[in-house]
């Protein structure tokens, strides 16, 4: 919902794709490795984790309908 300017409410953005926020704890060695990968690729750590999760799902369940818009 977008708030009207000047009514004291915070404006929120409407995302074009649905997403769920998750809080995940990693052992420090894994976190550090993910951070290094993200810096090398010049992307966010979240992007690296999402990419890894998509690859994992693709390998374990190749027929699973994943991604936005049903991409496989």
PDB file of N, CA and C in Angstrom:
ATOM      1  N   UNK A   1       0.839  -1.154   0.000  1.00  0.00           N
ATOM      2  CA  UNK A   1       0.000   0.000   0.000  1.00  0.00           C
ATOM      3  C   UNK A   1       0.893   1.229   0.000  1.00  0.00           C
ATOM      4  N   UNK A   2       0.620   2.175  -0.841  1.00  0.00           N
ATOM      5  CA  UNK A   2       1.377   3.421  -0.870  1.00  0.00           C
ATOM      6  C   UNK A   2       0.629   4.470  -0.059  1.00  0.00           C
ATOM      7  N   UNK A   3       1.379   5.145   0.796  1.00  0.00           N
ATOM      8  CA  UNK A   3       0.773   6.207   1.593  1.00  0.00           C
ATOM      9  C   UNK A   3       0.831   7.512   0.820  1.00  0.00           C
ATOM     10  N   UNK A   4      -0.134   8.376   1.073  1.00  0.00           N
ATOM     11  CA  UNK A   4      -0.148   9.684   0.435  1.00  0.00           C
ATOM     12  C   UNK A   4       0.870  10.568   1.135  1.00  0.00           C
ATOM     13  N   UNK A   5       1.589  11.384   0.352  1.00  0.00           N
ATOM     14  CA  UNK A   5       2.564  12.284   0.978  1.00  0.00           C
ATOM     15  C   UNK A   5       1.887  13.214   1.972  1.00  0.00           C
ATOM     16  N   UNK A   6       2.588  13.482   3.089  1.00  0.00           N
ATOM     17  CA  UNK A   6       2.096  14.461   4.031  1.00  0.00           C
ATOM     18  C   UNK A   6       1.150  13.926   5.090  1.00  0.00           C
ATOM     19  N   UNK A   7       0.815  12.629   5.070  1.00  0.00           N
ATOM     20  CA  UNK A   7      -0.103  12.132   6.090  1.00  0.00           C
ATOM     21  C   UNK A   7       0.631  11.487   7.268  1.00  0.00           C
ATOM     22  N   UNK A   8       1.976  11.622   7.298  1.00  0.00           N
ATOM     23  CA  UNK A   8       2.740  11.113   8.422  1.00  0.00           C
ATOM     24  C   UNK A   8       3.017   9.623   8.367  1.00  0.00           C
ATOM     25  N   UNK A   9       2.540   8.945   7.336  1.00  0.00           N
ATOM     26  CA  UNK A   9       2.804   7.509   7.212  1.00  0.00           C
ATOM     27  C   UNK A   9       3.968   7.277   6.274  1.00  0.00           C
ATOM     28  N   UNK A  10       4.673   6.227   6.539  1.00  0.00           N
ATOM     29  CA  UNK A  10       5.821   5.866   5.736  1.00  0.00           C
ATOM     30  C   UNK A  10       5.365   5.295   4.395  1.00  0.00           C
ATOM     31  N   UNK A  11       6.031   5.707   3.320  1.00  0.00           N
ATOM     32  CA  UNK A  11       5.690   5.126   2.021  1.00  0.00           C
ATOM     33  C   UNK A  11       6.350   3.765   1.903  1.00  0.00           C
ATOM     34  N   UNK A  12       5.628   2.825   1.326  1.00  0.00           N
ATOM     35  CA  UNK A  12       6.186   1.502   1.090  1.00  0.00           C
ATOM     36  C   UNK A  12       6.178   1.220  -0.396  1.00  0.00           C
ATOM     37  N   UNK A  13       7.158   0.479  -0.830  1.00  0.00           N
ATOM     38  CA  UNK A  13       7.233   0.096  -2.238  1.00  0.00           C
ATOM     39  C   UNK A  13       6.488  -1.201  -2.455  1.00  0.00           C
ATOM     40  N   UNK A  14       5.838  -1.299  -3.580  1.00  0.00           N
ATOM     41  CA  UNK A  14       5.171  -2.542  -3.965  1.00  0.00           C
ATOM     42  C   UNK A  14       6.120  -3.290  -4.881  1.00  0.00           C
ATOM     43  N   UNK A  15       6.485  -4.495  -4.500  1.00  0.00           N
ATOM     44  CA  UNK A  15       7.396  -5.292  -5.309  1.00  0.00           C
ATOM     45  C   UNK A  15       6.654  -5.948  -6.455  1.00  0.00           C
ATOM     46  N   UNK A  16       7.341  -6.040  -7.603  1.00  0.00           N
ATOM     47  CA  UNK A  16       6.704  -6.632  -8.772  1.00  0.00           C
ATOM     48  C   UNK A  16       6.624  -8.152  -8.660  1.00  0.00           C
ATOM     49  N   UNK A  17       7.512  -8.761  -7.887  1.00  0.00           N
ATOM     50  CA  UNK A  17       7.451 -10.203  -7.682  1.00  0.00           C
ATOM     51  C   UNK A  17       7.279 -10.465  -6.198  1.00  0.00           C
ATOM     52  N   UNK A  18       6.590 -11.534  -5.871  1.00  0.00           N
ATOM     53  CA  UNK A  18       6.416 -11.833  -4.459  1.00  0.00           C
ATOM     54  C   UNK A  18       7.708 -12.447  -3.920  1.00  0.00           C
ATOM     55  N   UNK A  19       8.050 -12.075  -2.724  1.00  0.00           N
ATOM     56  CA  UNK A  19       9.253 -12.584  -2.083  1.00  0.00           C
ATOM     57  C   UNK A  19       8.978 -12.737  -0.603  1.00  0.00           C
ATOM     58  N   UNK A  20       9.682 -13.642   0.009  1.00  0.00           N
ATOM     59  CA  UNK A  20       9.575 -13.878   1.439  1.00  0.00           C
ATOM     60  C   UNK A  20      10.944 -13.609   2.050  1.00  0.00           C
ATOM     61  N   UNK A  21      10.978 -12.837   3.094  1.00  0.00           N
ATOM     62  CA  UNK A  21      12.236 -12.530   3.777  1.00  0.00           C
ATOM     63  C   UNK A  21      12.517 -13.630   4.788  1.00  0.00           C
ATOM     64  N   UNK A  22      13.773 -14.082   4.838  1.00  0.00           N
ATOM     65  CA  UNK A  22      14.169 -15.119   5.780  1.00  0.00           C
ATOM     66  C   UNK A  22      15.429 -14.685   6.508  1.00  0.00           C
ATOM     67  N   UNK A  23      15.524 -15.060   7.740  1.00  0.00           N
ATOM     68  CA  UNK A  23      16.729 -14.817   8.524  1.00  0.00           C
ATOM     69  C   UNK A  23      17.414 -16.169   8.699  1.00  0.00           C
ATOM     70  N   UNK A  24      18.651 -16.264   8.222  1.00  0.00           N
ATOM     71  CA  UNK A  24      19.358 -17.541   8.223  1.00  0.00           C
ATOM     72  C   UNK A  24      20.686 -17.375   8.944  1.00  0.00           C
ATOM     73  N   UNK A  25      21.024 -18.335   9.787  1.00  0.00           N
ATOM     74  CA  UNK A  25      22.321 -18.328  10.467  1.00  0.00           C
ATOM     75  C   UNK A  25      23.243 -19.316   9.772  1.00  0.00           C
ATOM     76  N   UNK A  26      24.480 -18.887   9.527  1.00  0.00           N
ATOM     77  CA  UNK A  26      25.491 -19.737   8.909  1.00  0.00           C
ATOM     78  C   UNK A  26      26.658 -19.903   9.860  1.00  0.00           C
ATOM     79  N   UNK A  27      27.350 -21.042   9.793  1.00  0.00           N
ATOM     80  CA  UNK A  27      28.635 -21.119  10.498  1.00  0.00           C
ATOM     81  C   UNK A  27      29.548 -20.034   9.910  1.00  0.00           C
ATOM     82  N   UNK A  28      30.412 -19.461  10.722  1.00  0.00           N
ATOM     83  CA  UNK A  28      31.219 -18.320  10.285  1.00  0.00           C
ATOM     84  C   UNK A  28      32.056 -18.634   9.049  1.00  0.00           C
ATOM     85  N   UNK A  29      32.563 -19.850   8.908  1.00  0.00           N
ATOM     86  CA  UNK A  29      33.383 -20.198   7.740  1.00  0.00           C
ATOM     87  C   UNK A  29      32.556 -20.122   6.451  1.00  0.00           C
ATOM     88  N   UNK A  30      31.323 -20.606   6.499  1.00  0.00           N
ATOM     89  CA  UNK A  30      30.458 -20.576   5.319  1.00  0.00           C
ATOM     90  C   UNK A  30      30.077 -19.138   4.990  1.00  0.00           C
ATOM     91  N   UNK A  31      29.751 -18.357   6.009  1.00  0.00           N
ATOM     92  CA  UNK A  31      29.400 -16.954   5.783  1.00  0.00           C
ATOM     93  C   UNK A  31      30.559 -16.207   5.135  1.00  0.00           C
ATOM     94  N   UNK A  32      31.758 -16.412   5.651  1.00  0.00           N
ATOM     95  CA  UNK A  32      32.931 -15.731   5.103  1.00  0.00           C
ATOM     96  C   UNK A  32      33.164 -16.120   3.645  1.00  0.00           C
ATOM     97  N   UNK A  33      32.984 -17.404   3.331  1.00  0.00           N
ATOM     98  CA  UNK A  33      33.155 -17.869   1.953  1.00  0.00           C
ATOM     99  C   UNK A  33      32.103 -17.248   1.041  1.00  0.00           C
ATOM    100  N   UNK A  34      30.850 -17.217   1.490  1.00  0.00           N
ATOM    101  CA  UNK A  34      29.783 -16.595   0.700  1.00  0.00           C
ATOM    102  C   UNK A  34      30.067 -15.114   0.476  1.00  0.00           C
ATOM    103  N   UNK A  35      30.582 -14.444   1.496  1.00  0.00           N
ATOM    104  CA  UNK A  35      30.908 -13.031   1.383  1.00  0.00           C
ATOM    105  C   UNK A  35      32.024 -12.809   0.362  1.00  0.00           C
ATOM    106  N   UNK A  36      33.029 -13.662   0.365  1.00  0.00           N
ATOM    107  CA  UNK A  36      34.124 -13.571  -0.611  1.00  0.00           C
ATOM    108  C   UNK A  36      33.589 -13.761  -2.026  1.00  0.00           C
ATOM    109  N   UNK A  37      32.729 -14.765  -2.201  1.00  0.00           N
ATOM    110  CA  UNK A  37      32.139 -15.032  -3.524  1.00  0.00           C
ATOM    111  C   UNK A  37      31.343 -13.810  -3.991  1.00  0.00           C
ATOM    112  N   UNK A  38      30.545 -13.232  -3.103  1.00  0.00           N
ATOM    113  CA  UNK A  38      29.737 -12.069  -3.452  1.00  0.00           C
ATOM    114  C   UNK A  38      30.618 -10.898  -3.885  1.00  0.00           C
ATOM    115  N   UNK A  39      31.693 -10.656  -3.161  1.00  0.00           N
ATOM    116  CA  UNK A  39      32.595  -9.557  -3.506  1.00  0.00           C
ATOM    117  C   UNK A  39      33.284  -9.811  -4.850  1.00  0.00           C
ATOM    118  N   UNK A  40      33.693 -11.064  -5.101  1.00  0.00           N
ATOM    119  CA  UNK A  40      34.339 -11.393  -6.375  1.00  0.00           C
ATOM    120  C   UNK A  40      33.386 -11.201  -7.546  1.00  0.00           C
ATOM    121  N   UNK A  41      32.119 -11.580  -7.354  1.00  0.00           N
ATOM    122  CA  UNK A  41      31.123 -11.466  -8.422  1.00  0.00           C
ATOM    123  C   UNK A  41      30.495 -10.071  -8.494  1.00  0.00           C
ATOM    124  N   UNK A  42      30.802  -9.231  -7.482  1.00  0.00           N
ATOM    125  CA  UNK A  42      30.237  -7.879  -7.391  1.00  0.00           C
ATOM    126  C   UNK A  42      28.703  -7.912  -7.311  1.00  0.00           C
ATOM    127  N   UNK A  43      28.217  -8.819  -6.467  1.00  0.00           N
ATOM    128  CA  UNK A  43      26.786  -8.945  -6.204  1.00  0.00           C
ATOM    129  C   UNK A  43      26.594  -8.991  -4.689  1.00  0.00           C
ATOM    130  N   UNK A  44      25.348  -8.976  -4.251  1.00  0.00           N
ATOM    131  CA  UNK A  44      25.083  -9.055  -2.813  1.00  0.00           C
ATOM    132  C   UNK A  44      25.223 -10.488  -2.319  1.00  0.00           C
ATOM    133  N   UNK A  45      25.454 -10.600  -1.021  1.00  0.00           N
ATOM    134  CA  UNK A  45      25.512 -11.925  -0.414  1.00  0.00           C
ATOM    135  C   UNK A  45      24.160 -12.630  -0.572  1.00  0.00           C
ATOM    136  N   UNK A  46      23.072 -11.873  -0.477  1.00  0.00           N
ATOM    137  CA  UNK A  46      21.737 -12.448  -0.659  1.00  0.00           C
ATOM    138  C   UNK A  46      21.594 -13.060  -2.052  1.00  0.00           C
ATOM    139  N   UNK A  47      22.157 -12.390  -3.079  1.00  0.00           N
ATOM    140  CA  UNK A  47      22.086 -12.917  -4.436  1.00  0.00           C
ATOM    141  C   UNK A  47      22.803 -14.262  -4.510  1.00  0.00           C
ATOM    142  N   UNK A  48      23.981 -14.355  -3.877  1.00  0.00           N
ATOM    143  CA  UNK A  48      24.749 -15.605  -3.886  1.00  0.00           C
ATOM    144  C   UNK A  48      23.948 -16.723  -3.218  1.00  0.00           C
ATOM    145  N   UNK A  49      23.319 -16.419  -2.095  1.00  0.00           N
ATOM    146  CA  UNK A  49      22.535 -17.431  -1.373  1.00  0.00           C
ATOM    147  C   UNK A  49      21.329 -17.865  -2.202  1.00  0.00           C
ATOM    148  N   UNK A  50      20.635 -16.901  -2.840  1.00  0.00           N
ATOM    149  CA  UNK A  50      19.493 -17.268  -3.694  1.00  0.00           C
ATOM    150  C   UNK A  50      19.940 -18.149  -4.854  1.00  0.00           C
ATOM    151  N   UNK A  51      21.040 -17.784  -5.493  1.00  0.00           N
ATOM    152  CA  UNK A  51      21.569 -18.567  -6.611  1.00  0.00           C
ATOM    153  C   UNK A  51      21.923 -19.986  -6.159  1.00  0.00           C
ATOM    154  N   UNK A  52      22.573 -20.097  -5.008  1.00  0.00           N
ATOM    155  CA  UNK A  52      22.940 -21.411  -4.474  1.00  0.00           C
ATOM    156  C   UNK A  52      21.691 -22.249  -4.174  1.00  0.00           C
ATOM    157  N   UNK A  53      20.664 -21.614  -3.611  1.00  0.00           N
ATOM    158  CA  UNK A  53      19.426 -22.333  -3.300  1.00  0.00           C
ATOM    159  C   UNK A  53      18.746 -22.819  -4.579  1.00  0.00           C
ATOM    160  N   UNK A  54      18.724 -21.969  -5.619  1.00  0.00           N
ATOM    161  CA  UNK A  54      18.127 -22.373  -6.891  1.00  0.00           C
ATOM    162  C   UNK A  54      18.889 -23.540  -7.508  1.00  0.00           C
ATOM    163  N   UNK A  55      20.207 -23.505  -7.446  1.00  0.00           N
ATOM    164  CA  UNK A  55      21.000 -24.605  -7.994  1.00  0.00           C
ATOM    165  C   UNK A  55      20.762 -25.888  -7.206  1.00  0.00           C
ATOM    166  N   UNK A  56      20.690 -25.782  -5.889  1.00  0.00           N
ATOM    167  CA  UNK A  56      20.434 -26.944  -5.042  1.00  0.00           C
ATOM    168  C   UNK A  56      19.089 -27.579  -5.395  1.00  0.00           C
ATOM    169  N   UNK A  57      18.065 -26.747  -5.492  1.00  0.00           N
ATOM    170  CA  UNK A  57      16.734 -27.256  -5.833  1.00  0.00           C
ATOM    171  C   UNK A  57      16.751 -27.886  -7.226  1.00  0.00           C
ATOM    172  N   UNK A  58      17.414 -27.228  -8.173  1.00  0.00           N
ATOM    173  CA  UNK A  58      17.496 -27.757  -9.534  1.00  0.00           C
ATOM    174  C   UNK A  58      18.171 -29.112  -9.597  1.00  0.00           C
ATOM    175  N   UNK A  59      19.171 -29.323  -8.755  1.00  0.00           N
ATOM    176  CA  UNK A  59      19.870 -30.610  -8.733  1.00  0.00           C
ATOM    177  C   UNK A  59      19.072 -31.683  -8.009  1.00  0.00           C
ATOM    178  N   UNK A  60      18.454 -31.328  -6.903  1.00  0.00           N
ATOM    179  CA  UNK A  60      17.717 -32.315  -6.088  1.00  0.00           C
ATOM    180  C   UNK A  60      16.333 -32.622  -6.649  1.00  0.00           C
ATOM    181  N   UNK A  61      15.663 -31.596  -7.182  1.00  0.00           N
ATOM    182  CA  UNK A  61      14.313 -31.745  -7.710  1.00  0.00           C
ATOM    183  C   UNK A  61      14.238 -31.049  -9.069  1.00  0.00           C
ATOM    184  N   UNK A  62      14.796 -31.654 -10.118  1.00  0.00           N
ATOM    185  CA  UNK A  62      14.876 -30.978 -11.421  1.00  0.00           C
ATOM    186  C   UNK A  62      13.521 -30.639 -12.040  1.00  0.00           C
ATOM    187  N   UNK A  63      12.465 -31.309 -11.655  1.00  0.00           N
ATOM    188  CA  UNK A  63      11.149 -31.016 -12.224  1.00  0.00           C
ATOM    189  C   UNK A  63      10.379 -30.000 -11.398  1.00  0.00           C
ATOM    190  N   UNK A  64      10.976 -29.544 -10.290  1.00  0.00           N
ATOM    191  CA  UNK A  64      10.322 -28.569  -9.433  1.00  0.00           C
ATOM    192  C   UNK A  64      10.189 -27.250 -10.174  1.00  0.00           C
ATOM    193  N   UNK A  65       8.984 -26.699 -10.190  1.00  0.00           N
ATOM    194  CA  UNK A  65       8.713 -25.443 -10.883  1.00  0.00           C
ATOM    195  C   UNK A  65       9.202 -24.294 -10.009  1.00  0.00           C
ATOM    196  N   UNK A  66      10.348 -23.714 -10.370  1.00  0.00           N
ATOM    197  CA  UNK A  66      10.924 -22.663  -9.545  1.00  0.00           C
ATOM    198  C   UNK A  66      11.099 -21.382 -10.343  1.00  0.00           C
ATOM    199  N   UNK A  67      11.358 -20.304  -9.633  1.00  0.00           N
ATOM    200  CA  UNK A  67      11.624 -19.014 -10.247  1.00  0.00           C
ATOM    201  C   UNK A  67      10.348 -18.236 -10.514  1.00  0.00           C
ATOM    202  N   UNK A  68      10.527 -16.959 -10.769  1.00  0.00           N
ATOM    203  CA  UNK A  68       9.383 -16.076 -11.051  1.00  0.00           C
ATOM    204  C   UNK A  68       8.753 -16.441 -12.362  1.00  0.00           C
ATOM    205  N   UNK A  69       7.467 -16.494 -12.391  1.00  0.00           N
ATOM    206  CA  UNK A  69       6.751 -16.774 -13.633  1.00  0.00           C
ATOM    207  C   UNK A  69       6.829 -18.217 -14.074  1.00  0.00           C
ATOM    208  N   UNK A  70       7.260 -19.118 -13.182  1.00  0.00           N
ATOM    209  CA  UNK A  70       7.290 -20.532 -13.527  1.00  0.00           C
ATOM    210  C   UNK A  70       8.444 -20.929 -14.422  1.00  0.00           C
ATOM    211  N   UNK A  71       9.538 -20.170 -14.392  1.00  0.00           N
ATOM    212  CA  UNK A  71      10.702 -20.519 -15.214  1.00  0.00           C
ATOM    213  C   UNK A  71      11.305 -21.815 -14.717  1.00  0.00           C
ATOM    214  N   UNK A  72      11.797 -22.594 -15.637  1.00  0.00           N
ATOM    215  CA  UNK A  72      12.455 -23.836 -15.261  1.00  0.00           C
ATOM    216  C   UNK A  72      13.854 -23.861 -15.730  1.00  0.00           C
TER     217      UNK A  72
END
